[in-house]
């Protein structure tokens, strides 16, 4: 490993000595899977996340997703996703749409969840409003297809609590008695302060063209109650996945069409596509307009259900959707979904241009500032790195238990950040919050690629144990570059990074 020396504060300030540059570059490096450098999609390469829903708050986009996770059979082989054990919601956020901060998972359903009455948590929706002068956040979720619950928090990342102790929408809710699937919520808080909940799906026998299982109803002013009766949204060939947006005074209801294989009338939505309708009122009447996003199989070669969320950020419109691209790259493709992002454009006549899904994703909105403290769970691309709550370490780091730490367990694993702006003059030092269990390891700081220019090596000595702040001098860190943190471990044990920061 690299040599190190210690300053008077016990911090590592050593250089990247010990191995020549050629030897360092020849050492094995992990390979990115799913999300590869240069591409923005899928948004994460270290975990799955499905059924995205977007909330814009405080200059960031927060995406809430069904926490798809690998399921195994009795022989330890990965089996198809049954969705039956999903009781958490994954949250990530970004202010540039390429580097995403992993905020971990919300424990929603089950004995360890906020809503102990629920068994699953699928397809979330989130909303923000000011209540009594304070920010309030609301997270709606589907308890499988039998009802919809709601959690509340004072922050977009929680902690979350169950304010009513039961489902918000059930079979006894007026107007939903004949809805096949009570799930897939979406929420709209209108300019006048009134709020609306959209939900539903499924196909009653023989009603493929007009299932009439989509619903909208008004929420109470407290956002945790419903009022009146749910009203049918007459969406042709409706299957699932409610979406609601408002643009220039027009309400846009969007959904996924069903997979009926029989004849469809001309102008009907094809199977498994995102279709939309418009109205001058949040509860209709609605006019069908067409489809805007083909099934993921058309773009990525892996078909499946199609789920989306449309949102506006920094003056531009985007669509988040899922596809089984990470699973495909892992050789799985049996129902494990990953969230993607592409731009959406409204035409002058108010209609929406068809979206072209791809791996490239969207342009990065701004460079990253490395002189702010960065949570190590912020990742543009990665290989061999996972995340977990820093609080799961034996000690809580100085940055707090809410941090999601980057975990490197193998030599040559790495994470990268896109377009980091070191400026002129550039950085002269790097500091990180590290948890180690007492074996020597190091973090190489490289530019533009995993084996790119080495600007410094932070060495963690074998005498280190627990959380500590460690620093290293860096050189030639100037202007805008992709930044790679390459982990070098003597043994295959976890090294946790809680947060990091450069300084001049």
Protein backbone atom coordinates (compact mmCIF):
# COMPACT_ATOMS: atom_id res chain seq x y z
CA UNK A 1 0.00 0.00 0.00
CA UNK A 2 0.99 3.67 -0.19
CA UNK A 3 3.36 5.09 2.42
CA UNK A 4 1.91 7.59 4.84
CA UNK A 5 2.96 10.07 7.47
CA UNK A 6 0.97 11.78 10.20
CA UNK A 7 0.68 15.45 11.12
CA UNK A 8 0.45 16.79 14.66
CA UNK A 9 -3.31 16.26 14.67
CA UNK A 10 -2.98 12.59 13.84
CA UNK A 11 -4.34 13.09 10.32
CA UNK A 12 -2.92 11.34 7.32
CA UNK A 13 -1.16 13.82 5.05
CA UNK A 14 1.07 11.47 3.09
CA UNK A 15 1.64 11.26 -0.62
CA UNK A 16 0.89 8.48 -3.05
CA UNK A 17 4.28 6.84 -2.68
CA UNK A 18 5.05 3.17 -2.26
CA UNK A 19 4.10 2.17 -5.80
CA UNK A 20 5.09 3.75 -9.04
CA UNK A 21 2.40 5.33 -11.22
CA UNK A 22 2.76 2.41 -13.63
CA UNK A 23 2.29 -0.10 -10.82
CA UNK A 24 -0.76 1.75 -9.49
CA UNK A 25 -2.37 1.92 -12.91
CA UNK A 26 -1.71 -1.78 -13.48
CA UNK A 27 -3.56 -2.81 -10.32
CA UNK A 28 -6.97 -4.35 -11.02
CA UNK A 29 -10.00 -2.05 -11.15
CA UNK A 30 -13.65 -2.95 -10.83
CA UNK A 31 -15.86 -2.47 -13.89
CA UNK A 32 -19.01 -0.35 -13.85
CA UNK A 33 -22.20 -2.29 -14.56
CA UNK A 34 -25.49 -0.76 -15.69
CA UNK A 35 -24.63 2.92 -15.39
CA UNK A 36 -21.31 3.43 -17.13
CA UNK A 37 -19.21 6.62 -17.13
CA UNK A 38 -20.51 9.17 -19.59
CA UNK A 39 -24.11 7.97 -19.35
CA UNK A 40 -26.77 9.31 -17.03
CA UNK A 41 -29.09 6.28 -17.16
CA UNK A 42 -29.94 4.35 -15.12
CA UNK A 43 -29.59 6.85 -12.29
CA UNK A 44 -27.95 4.28 -9.99
CA UNK A 45 -25.63 1.39 -10.70
CA UNK A 46 -25.31 0.18 -7.10
CA UNK A 47 -28.97 -0.63 -6.38
CA UNK A 48 -32.41 -0.91 -7.97
CA UNK A 49 -35.31 1.53 -7.72
CA UNK A 50 -38.70 1.38 -9.45
CA UNK A 51 -41.95 3.34 -9.86
CA UNK A 52 -40.27 6.76 -9.49
CA UNK A 53 -42.07 9.83 -8.20
CA UNK A 54 -40.47 13.29 -8.11
CA UNK A 55 -40.63 16.08 -5.54
CA UNK A 56 -38.80 19.35 -6.17
CA UNK A 57 -37.77 21.17 -3.01
CA UNK A 58 -34.92 23.43 -1.91
CA UNK A 59 -33.16 23.42 -5.27
CA UNK A 60 -33.07 19.62 -5.44
CA UNK A 61 -35.10 16.85 -7.06
CA UNK A 62 -36.05 14.05 -4.68
CA UNK A 63 -37.02 10.74 -6.27
CA UNK A 64 -39.00 8.22 -4.23
CA UNK A 65 -38.95 4.66 -5.57
CA UNK A 66 -40.18 1.17 -4.85
CA UNK A 67 -37.22 -0.64 -3.28
CA UNK A 68 -36.74 -3.53 -5.68
CA UNK A 69 -34.22 -5.98 -4.20
CA UNK A 70 -33.02 -9.37 -5.38
CA UNK A 71 -35.05 -12.37 -4.22
CA UNK A 72 -33.54 -15.86 -3.97
CA UNK A 73 -34.93 -19.39 -4.15
CA UNK A 74 -34.14 -22.22 -1.73
CA UNK A 75 -30.95 -23.00 -3.68
CA UNK A 76 -29.65 -19.46 -3.45
CA UNK A 77 -30.41 -18.58 -7.07
CA UNK A 78 -31.95 -15.24 -8.01
CA UNK A 79 -35.61 -15.69 -8.85
CA UNK A 80 -38.15 -13.39 -10.44
CA UNK A 81 -39.28 -10.34 -8.52
CA UNK A 82 -42.49 -11.19 -6.65
CA UNK A 83 -42.77 -7.71 -5.05
CA UNK A 84 -44.29 -9.44 -2.02
CA UNK A 85 -41.49 -8.55 0.40
CA UNK A 86 -41.04 -4.90 -0.57
CA UNK A 87 -41.84 -2.78 2.49
CA UNK A 88 -39.42 0.13 2.01
CA UNK A 89 -39.17 3.18 -0.21
CA UNK A 90 -35.79 4.28 -1.63
CA UNK A 91 -34.95 8.00 -1.76
CA UNK A 92 -32.28 9.75 -3.83
CA UNK A 93 -31.81 13.42 -4.67
CA UNK A 94 -29.76 15.64 -6.95
CA UNK A 95 -29.25 19.27 -7.86
CA UNK A 96 -27.51 18.52 -11.17
CA UNK A 97 -29.42 15.39 -12.39
CA UNK A 98 -26.27 13.29 -12.92
CA UNK A 99 -24.70 13.00 -9.45
CA UNK A 100 -27.30 11.48 -7.11
CA UNK A 101 -27.20 11.34 -3.31
CA UNK A 102 -28.49 8.09 -1.85
CA UNK A 103 -30.60 8.86 1.23
CA UNK A 104 -31.25 5.21 1.96
CA UNK A 105 -34.61 3.59 2.49
CA UNK A 106 -37.71 4.62 4.38
CA UNK A 107 -39.03 1.79 6.55
CA UNK A 108 -42.68 2.08 5.56
CA UNK A 109 -44.58 -1.16 6.18
CA UNK A 110 -44.34 -4.14 8.50
CA UNK A 111 -43.32 -4.50 12.15
CA UNK A 112 -40.25 -2.26 11.72
CA UNK A 113 -42.04 0.31 9.56
CA UNK A 114 -43.89 3.51 10.32
CA UNK A 115 -47.17 2.03 9.03
CA UNK A 116 -47.30 -1.23 10.96
CA UNK A 117 -50.78 -2.03 9.64
CA UNK A 118 -49.38 -2.32 6.09
CA UNK A 119 -47.54 -5.28 4.58
CA UNK A 120 -46.04 -3.70 1.44
CA UNK A 121 -45.05 -0.28 0.13
CA UNK A 122 -45.22 0.15 -3.63
CA UNK A 123 -45.22 3.07 -6.06
CA UNK A 124 -44.88 6.12 -3.78
CA UNK A 125 -46.02 9.69 -4.36
CA UNK A 126 -44.78 12.72 -2.43
CA UNK A 127 -46.02 16.24 -1.81
CA UNK A 128 -44.94 19.36 0.07
CA UNK A 129 -46.97 22.20 1.47
CA UNK A 130 -46.64 24.78 4.22
CA UNK A 131 -48.81 24.02 7.24
CA UNK A 132 -49.04 26.57 10.06
CA UNK A 133 -45.98 28.32 8.70
CA UNK A 134 -43.85 25.17 8.61
CA UNK A 135 -42.77 22.88 5.78
CA UNK A 136 -44.68 19.60 5.78
CA UNK A 137 -44.05 16.58 3.59
CA UNK A 138 -46.46 13.79 2.72
CA UNK A 139 -45.58 10.37 1.36
CA UNK A 140 -48.40 8.29 -0.16
CA UNK A 141 -47.84 4.61 -0.88
CA UNK A 142 -49.69 1.52 -2.02
CA UNK A 143 -50.17 -1.35 0.40
CA UNK A 144 -49.96 -3.87 -2.44
CA UNK A 145 -53.19 -3.25 -4.39
CA UNK A 146 -55.56 -3.19 -1.42
CA UNK A 147 -55.28 0.42 -0.28
CA UNK A 148 -53.22 3.59 -0.01
CA UNK A 149 -51.47 4.90 3.08
CA UNK A 150 -49.83 8.19 4.00
CA UNK A 151 -46.80 9.18 6.09
CA UNK A 152 -45.73 12.64 7.19
CA UNK A 153 -42.40 14.32 7.93
CA UNK A 154 -40.76 17.71 8.47
CA UNK A 155 -38.08 16.95 5.88
CA UNK A 156 -38.14 15.33 2.42
CA UNK A 157 -35.95 12.52 3.80
CA UNK A 158 -37.80 12.04 7.08
CA UNK A 159 -37.99 10.73 9.70
CA UNK A 160 -41.50 9.62 8.72
CA UNK A 161 -44.47 8.85 10.93
CA UNK A 162 -47.95 7.47 10.34
CA UNK A 163 -50.42 10.21 11.28
CA UNK A 164 -53.63 8.16 11.09
CA UNK A 165 -52.60 4.59 11.93
CA UNK A 166 -54.54 3.05 9.06
CA UNK A 167 -55.01 3.27 5.31
CA UNK A 168 -56.12 6.58 3.81
CA UNK A 169 -58.00 4.92 0.93
CA UNK A 170 -59.70 1.55 1.38
CA UNK A 171 -62.50 -0.46 -0.21
CA UNK A 172 -64.94 1.48 1.97
CA UNK A 173 -63.89 4.84 0.52
CA UNK A 174 -66.81 6.29 -1.47
CA UNK A 175 -66.43 5.75 -5.20
CA UNK A 176 -63.75 3.05 -5.18
CA UNK A 177 -65.79 -0.09 -4.55
CA UNK A 178 -65.26 -1.46 -8.05
CA UNK A 179 -61.61 -0.43 -8.51
CA UNK A 180 -59.60 -3.56 -9.27
CA UNK A 181 -56.28 -2.30 -7.89
CA UNK A 182 -56.18 0.40 -5.21
CA UNK A 183 -52.62 1.51 -5.81
CA UNK A 184 -50.20 3.78 -7.72
CA UNK A 185 -51.03 7.15 -6.13
CA UNK A 186 -50.18 10.58 -7.54
CA UNK A 187 -50.84 13.89 -5.84
CA UNK A 188 -51.39 17.47 -6.97
CA UNK A 189 -51.37 20.54 -4.74
CA UNK A 190 -52.99 23.24 -6.85
CA UNK A 191 -52.30 26.98 -6.75
CA UNK A 192 -55.49 27.59 -4.78
CA UNK A 193 -54.25 25.26 -2.02
CA UNK A 194 -56.67 22.44 -2.78
CA UNK A 195 -55.07 19.03 -3.21
CA UNK A 196 -56.09 15.94 -5.18
CA UNK A 197 -55.16 12.27 -5.03
CA UNK A 198 -55.12 10.10 -8.17
CA UNK A 199 -54.91 6.31 -7.99
CA UNK A 200 -56.25 2.98 -9.24
CA UNK A 201 -55.79 0.48 -12.01
CA UNK A 202 -56.55 -3.01 -13.17
CA UNK A 203 -58.94 -4.50 -15.71
CA UNK A 204 -62.34 -5.93 -14.84
CA UNK A 205 -63.23 -8.99 -16.92
CA UNK A 206 -63.94 -8.02 -20.53
CA UNK A 207 -63.36 -4.27 -20.02
CA UNK A 208 -59.92 -3.83 -21.59
CA UNK A 209 -60.91 -0.79 -23.65
CA UNK A 210 -62.69 1.03 -20.82
CA UNK A 211 -61.58 -0.42 -17.47
CA UNK A 212 -62.78 2.72 -15.65
CA UNK A 213 -60.58 1.84 -12.69
CA UNK A 214 -58.68 5.16 -12.50
CA UNK A 215 -59.89 7.55 -9.81
CA UNK A 216 -59.38 11.08 -8.51
CA UNK A 217 -60.66 12.53 -5.26
CA UNK A 218 -60.01 15.65 -3.26
CA UNK A 219 -57.77 15.52 -0.22
CA UNK A 220 -58.65 17.33 2.98
CA UNK A 221 -56.77 20.49 3.86
CA UNK A 222 -54.66 18.39 6.24
CA UNK A 223 -53.48 16.18 3.32
CA UNK A 224 -54.11 13.06 5.45
CA UNK A 225 -57.85 12.74 4.84
CA UNK A 226 -60.10 12.49 1.80
CA UNK A 227 -63.36 14.27 1.18
CA UNK A 228 -66.31 13.68 -1.08
CA UNK A 229 -66.46 10.77 -3.49
CA UNK A 230 -63.80 9.43 -5.85
CA UNK A 231 -64.53 10.26 -9.49
CA UNK A 232 -63.74 8.05 -12.50
CA UNK A 233 -60.96 9.18 -14.82
CA UNK A 234 -62.12 7.63 -18.13
CA UNK A 235 -58.69 6.62 -19.44
CA UNK A 236 -58.86 4.31 -22.50
CA UNK A 237 -57.04 0.99 -22.07
CA UNK A 238 -55.98 2.04 -18.56
CA UNK A 239 -53.71 -0.37 -16.70
CA UNK A 240 -51.85 1.42 -13.87
CA UNK A 241 -49.47 4.27 -12.93
CA UNK A 242 -51.29 7.55 -12.31
CA UNK A 243 -49.46 10.80 -13.02
CA UNK A 244 -50.69 14.39 -12.66
CA UNK A 245 -49.13 17.72 -13.68
CA UNK A 246 -50.23 21.23 -14.48
CA UNK A 247 -48.77 23.27 -17.33
CA UNK A 248 -49.96 26.73 -18.36
CA UNK A 249 -53.33 26.22 -16.67
CA UNK A 250 -53.98 22.78 -18.19
CA UNK A 251 -54.07 19.57 -16.14
CA UNK A 252 -52.26 16.56 -17.58
CA UNK A 253 -53.25 13.09 -16.38
CA UNK A 254 -50.86 10.37 -17.55
CA UNK A 255 -50.92 6.60 -17.14
CA UNK A 256 -49.67 3.26 -18.47
CA UNK A 257 -51.88 1.50 -21.01
CA UNK A 258 -52.73 -2.18 -20.59
CA UNK A 259 -51.35 -5.13 -22.53
CA UNK A 260 -54.56 -6.30 -24.21
CA UNK A 261 -53.54 -8.22 -27.36
CA UNK A 262 -56.83 -7.93 -29.25
CA UNK A 263 -57.89 -5.28 -31.74
CA UNK A 264 -57.84 -1.67 -30.61
CA UNK A 265 -59.82 1.16 -32.18
CA UNK A 266 -57.76 3.56 -34.26
CA UNK A 267 -56.18 6.22 -32.07
CA UNK A 268 -56.09 4.02 -28.98
CA UNK A 269 -52.87 3.72 -26.98
CA UNK A 270 -50.66 0.76 -27.91
CA UNK A 271 -49.80 -1.81 -25.24
CA UNK A 272 -47.62 -0.81 -22.30
CA UNK A 273 -47.07 2.82 -23.27
CA UNK A 274 -47.40 6.04 -21.28
CA UNK A 275 -50.53 7.84 -22.47
CA UNK A 276 -52.01 11.16 -21.37
CA UNK A 277 -55.20 13.17 -21.18
CA UNK A 278 -55.88 16.86 -20.53
CA UNK A 279 -58.53 18.85 -18.71
CA UNK A 280 -59.30 22.37 -17.56
CA UNK A 281 -60.14 21.07 -14.08
CA UNK A 282 -58.22 18.67 -11.82
CA UNK A 283 -61.21 16.29 -11.67
CA UNK A 284 -62.11 16.40 -15.36
CA UNK A 285 -63.75 16.08 -17.83
CA UNK A 286 -60.75 14.70 -19.72
CA UNK A 287 -59.72 14.60 -23.38
CA UNK A 288 -57.46 11.77 -24.55
CA UNK A 289 -54.37 13.10 -26.36
CA UNK A 290 -52.10 10.16 -27.23
CA UNK A 291 -48.95 8.41 -26.01
CA UNK A 292 -45.57 9.90 -25.19
CA UNK A 293 -43.31 7.03 -24.08
CA UNK A 294 -43.10 3.58 -25.63
CA UNK A 295 -42.56 0.48 -23.53
CA UNK A 296 -39.00 0.08 -22.16
CA UNK A 297 -38.56 -2.97 -24.38
CA UNK A 298 -38.62 -0.71 -27.43
CA UNK A 299 -35.54 1.17 -26.22
CA UNK A 300 -33.63 -1.29 -24.06
CA UNK A 301 -34.63 -4.75 -25.25
CA UNK A 302 -36.28 -5.71 -21.97
CA UNK A 303 -40.06 -5.30 -21.79
CA UNK A 304 -42.14 -5.00 -18.67
CA UNK A 305 -44.51 -2.64 -16.96
CA UNK A 306 -44.06 1.06 -17.67
CA UNK A 307 -44.13 3.53 -14.78
CA UNK A 308 -43.30 7.22 -14.88
CA UNK A 309 -43.35 10.64 -13.20
CA UNK A 310 -43.22 14.03 -14.94
CA UNK A 311 -41.75 17.05 -13.18
CA UNK A 312 -40.41 20.56 -13.79
CA UNK A 313 -36.97 21.58 -12.48
CA UNK A 314 -34.91 24.68 -13.15
CA UNK A 315 -37.33 25.77 -15.87
CA UNK A 316 -37.20 22.48 -17.81
CA UNK A 317 -39.53 19.47 -17.88
CA UNK A 318 -38.35 15.89 -17.33
CA UNK A 319 -39.79 12.40 -17.19
CA UNK A 320 -38.54 9.74 -14.79
CA UNK A 321 -39.39 6.13 -15.67
CA UNK A 322 -38.08 2.67 -14.97
CA UNK A 323 -36.56 -0.10 -17.08
CA UNK A 324 -34.71 -3.31 -16.35
CA UNK A 325 -31.35 -2.09 -17.66
CA UNK A 326 -29.24 -2.75 -14.55
CA UNK A 327 -30.79 -6.19 -14.20
CA UNK A 328 -30.07 -6.85 -17.89
CA UNK A 329 -26.43 -5.80 -17.44
CA UNK A 330 -26.21 -8.18 -14.47
CA UNK A 331 -27.64 -10.99 -16.60
CA UNK A 332 -30.91 -11.11 -14.64
CA UNK A 333 -33.79 -9.20 -16.25
CA UNK A 334 -36.48 -10.89 -14.20
CA UNK A 335 -38.51 -7.99 -12.93
CA UNK A 336 -35.89 -5.81 -11.19
CA UNK A 337 -36.29 -2.22 -12.29
CA UNK A 338 -34.07 0.88 -12.33
CA UNK A 339 -35.04 4.54 -12.66
CA UNK A 340 -34.06 6.60 -15.72
CA UNK A 341 -34.43 10.25 -16.69
CA UNK A 342 -34.98 12.04 -19.98
CA UNK A 343 -36.20 15.47 -21.01
CA UNK A 344 -39.84 16.16 -21.87
CA UNK A 345 -41.01 18.93 -24.17
CA UNK A 346 -44.38 20.64 -24.49
CA UNK A 347 -45.28 21.87 -27.95
CA UNK A 348 -46.73 25.36 -28.51
CA UNK A 349 -50.18 23.77 -28.88
CA UNK A 350 -49.88 22.18 -25.44
CA UNK A 351 -49.33 18.64 -26.62
CA UNK A 352 -46.26 16.66 -25.54
CA UNK A 353 -43.56 15.47 -27.92
CA UNK A 354 -42.77 11.77 -27.87
CA UNK A 355 -39.88 10.93 -25.53
CA UNK A 356 -36.83 9.06 -26.75
CA UNK A 357 -35.56 6.98 -23.85
CA UNK A 358 -31.85 6.18 -23.87
CA UNK A 359 -28.78 5.44 -21.76
CA UNK A 360 -27.34 8.94 -22.24
CA UNK A 361 -29.91 10.60 -20.00
CA UNK A 362 -29.99 14.37 -19.50
CA UNK A 363 -27.22 17.00 -19.49
CA UNK A 364 -25.66 17.82 -16.15
CA UNK A 365 -27.16 21.14 -15.04
CA UNK A 366 -24.09 22.49 -13.27
CA UNK A 367 -20.62 21.41 -12.15
CA UNK A 368 -20.19 19.98 -8.67
CA UNK A 369 -18.60 22.14 -5.99
CA UNK A 370 -15.94 20.03 -4.21
CA UNK A 371 -15.37 22.68 -1.54
CA UNK A 372 -18.69 21.88 0.13
CA UNK A 373 -19.02 18.85 2.38
CA UNK A 374 -20.27 16.00 0.17
CA UNK A 375 -22.08 12.95 1.52
CA UNK A 376 -20.13 9.94 0.26
CA UNK A 377 -23.40 8.36 -0.84
CA UNK A 378 -23.39 10.93 -3.64
CA UNK A 379 -22.47 9.01 -6.78
CA UNK A 380 -22.29 9.70 -10.48
CA UNK A 381 -20.92 6.28 -11.41
CA UNK A 382 -19.55 3.41 -9.39
CA UNK A 383 -18.08 -0.08 -9.55
CA UNK A 384 -17.95 -2.52 -6.66
CA UNK A 385 -19.28 0.10 -4.23
CA UNK A 386 -22.50 -0.12 -2.24
CA UNK A 387 -24.11 2.19 0.30
CA UNK A 388 -25.43 1.69 3.79
CA UNK A 389 -26.49 3.87 6.67
CA UNK A 390 -23.48 5.25 8.51
CA UNK A 391 -25.41 4.57 11.70
CA UNK A 392 -25.00 0.84 11.02
CA UNK A 393 -21.30 1.14 11.84
CA UNK A 394 -20.39 0.50 15.49
CA UNK A 395 -20.08 4.27 16.00
CA UNK A 396 -22.00 7.22 14.58
CA UNK A 397 -19.83 9.55 12.47
CA UNK A 398 -19.46 13.24 13.16
CA UNK A 399 -21.65 13.96 10.12
CA UNK A 400 -24.60 12.27 11.79
CA UNK A 401 -26.48 8.99 11.63
CA UNK A 402 -28.53 10.13 8.64
CA UNK A 403 -25.55 9.85 6.28
CA UNK A 404 -25.45 7.06 3.75
CA UNK A 405 -21.85 5.88 3.66
CA UNK A 406 -20.07 4.59 0.58
CA UNK A 407 -18.83 1.08 1.30
CA UNK A 408 -15.83 -0.41 -0.48
CA UNK A 409 -15.14 -4.04 0.29
CA UNK A 410 -12.91 -5.02 -2.61
CA UNK A 411 -9.59 -3.72 -3.87
CA UNK A 412 -10.04 -1.64 -7.01
CA UNK A 413 -13.66 -0.64 -6.37
CA UNK A 414 -14.44 3.02 -7.05
CA UNK A 415 -17.02 5.76 -7.18
CA UNK A 416 -16.98 8.81 -9.43
CA UNK A 417 -18.53 12.27 -9.55
CA UNK A 418 -19.28 14.02 -12.82
CA UNK A 419 -17.83 17.43 -13.69
CA UNK A 420 -16.23 18.50 -10.45
CA UNK A 421 -15.11 22.15 -10.64
CA UNK A 422 -11.81 22.61 -8.78
CA UNK A 423 -11.38 26.08 -10.27
CA UNK A 424 -8.23 28.18 -10.44
CA UNK A 425 -6.23 27.98 -8.27
CA UNK A 426 -7.20 24.41 -7.59
CA UNK A 427 -7.50 22.23 -4.53
CA UNK A 428 -4.54 21.61 -2.25
CA UNK A 429 -6.03 19.13 0.24
CA UNK A 430 -8.69 16.42 0.58
CA UNK A 431 -10.41 15.44 3.83
CA UNK A 432 -12.73 12.50 4.44
CA UNK A 433 -14.65 10.96 7.30
CA UNK A 434 -13.53 7.32 7.34
CA UNK A 435 -14.54 4.24 9.30
CA UNK A 436 -11.98 1.45 9.38
CA UNK A 437 -11.72 -1.74 11.38
CA UNK A 438 -7.95 -1.60 11.74
CA UNK A 439 -6.38 -2.69 8.51
CA UNK A 440 -4.39 -0.59 6.10
CA UNK A 441 -6.18 0.78 3.05
CA UNK A 442 -6.12 3.82 0.81
CA UNK A 443 -8.24 6.05 -1.42
CA UNK A 444 -6.62 7.14 -4.66
CA UNK A 445 -7.93 10.42 -6.06
CA UNK A 446 -7.87 10.34 -9.85
CA UNK A 447 -9.15 12.53 -12.66
CA UNK A 448 -11.40 11.63 -15.59
CA UNK A 449 -11.15 7.83 -15.38
CA UNK A 450 -10.41 5.12 -12.78
CA UNK A 451 -6.78 4.91 -13.85
CA UNK A 452 -6.50 8.59 -14.71
CA UNK A 453 -4.15 11.22 -13.37
CA UNK A 454 -3.35 10.63 -9.70
CA UNK A 455 -3.69 13.86 -7.67
CA UNK A 456 -3.26 12.34 -4.22
CA UNK A 457 -3.64 9.22 -2.09
CA UNK A 458 -5.35 9.22 1.27
CA UNK A 459 -3.90 6.35 3.31
CA UNK A 460 -5.68 4.81 6.27
CA UNK A 461 -3.10 3.11 8.50
CA UNK A 462 -3.58 -0.21 10.24
CA UNK A 463 -3.61 1.68 13.54
CA UNK A 464 -6.87 3.41 12.58
CA UNK A 465 -10.05 2.05 14.11
CA UNK A 466 -13.55 3.49 14.11
CA UNK A 467 -14.47 6.86 12.61
CA UNK A 468 -11.79 9.48 12.04
CA UNK A 469 -11.19 12.59 9.94
CA UNK A 470 -8.20 12.11 7.65
CA UNK A 471 -6.60 14.49 5.20
CA UNK A 472 -4.06 14.38 2.39
CA UNK A 473 -2.34 16.99 0.27
CA UNK A 474 -3.30 16.99 -3.40
CA UNK A 475 -1.70 18.49 -6.50
CA UNK A 476 -2.83 19.38 -10.03
CA UNK A 477 -6.54 19.40 -9.04
CA UNK A 478 -7.65 22.32 -11.20
CA UNK A 479 -10.50 23.21 -13.58
CA UNK A 480 -13.40 20.84 -14.30
CA UNK A 481 -12.86 17.06 -14.26
CA UNK A 482 -14.68 13.87 -13.41
CA UNK A 483 -13.36 12.78 -10.02
CA UNK A 484 -12.70 9.12 -9.16
CA UNK A 485 -12.25 7.80 -5.63
CA UNK A 486 -10.48 4.46 -6.09
CA UNK A 487 -10.38 2.19 -3.04
CA UNK A 488 -7.32 0.07 -2.30
CA UNK A 489 -7.81 -2.53 0.42
CA UNK A 490 -5.22 -5.01 1.66
CA UNK A 491 -7.96 -7.44 2.68
CA UNK A 492 -11.54 -7.88 1.48
CA UNK A 493 -13.22 -6.06 4.34
CA UNK A 494 -15.44 -3.00 4.41
CA UNK A 495 -14.07 0.51 4.38
CA UNK A 496 -16.75 3.17 4.98
CA UNK A 497 -16.56 6.76 3.80
CA UNK A 498 -19.13 9.04 5.42
CA UNK A 499 -18.37 12.35 3.72
CA UNK A 500 -15.55 14.22 2.01
CA UNK A 501 -14.40 17.67 0.97
CA UNK A 502 -11.56 19.42 -0.86
CA UNK A 503 -9.94 22.64 0.31
CA UNK A 504 -7.66 25.24 -1.19
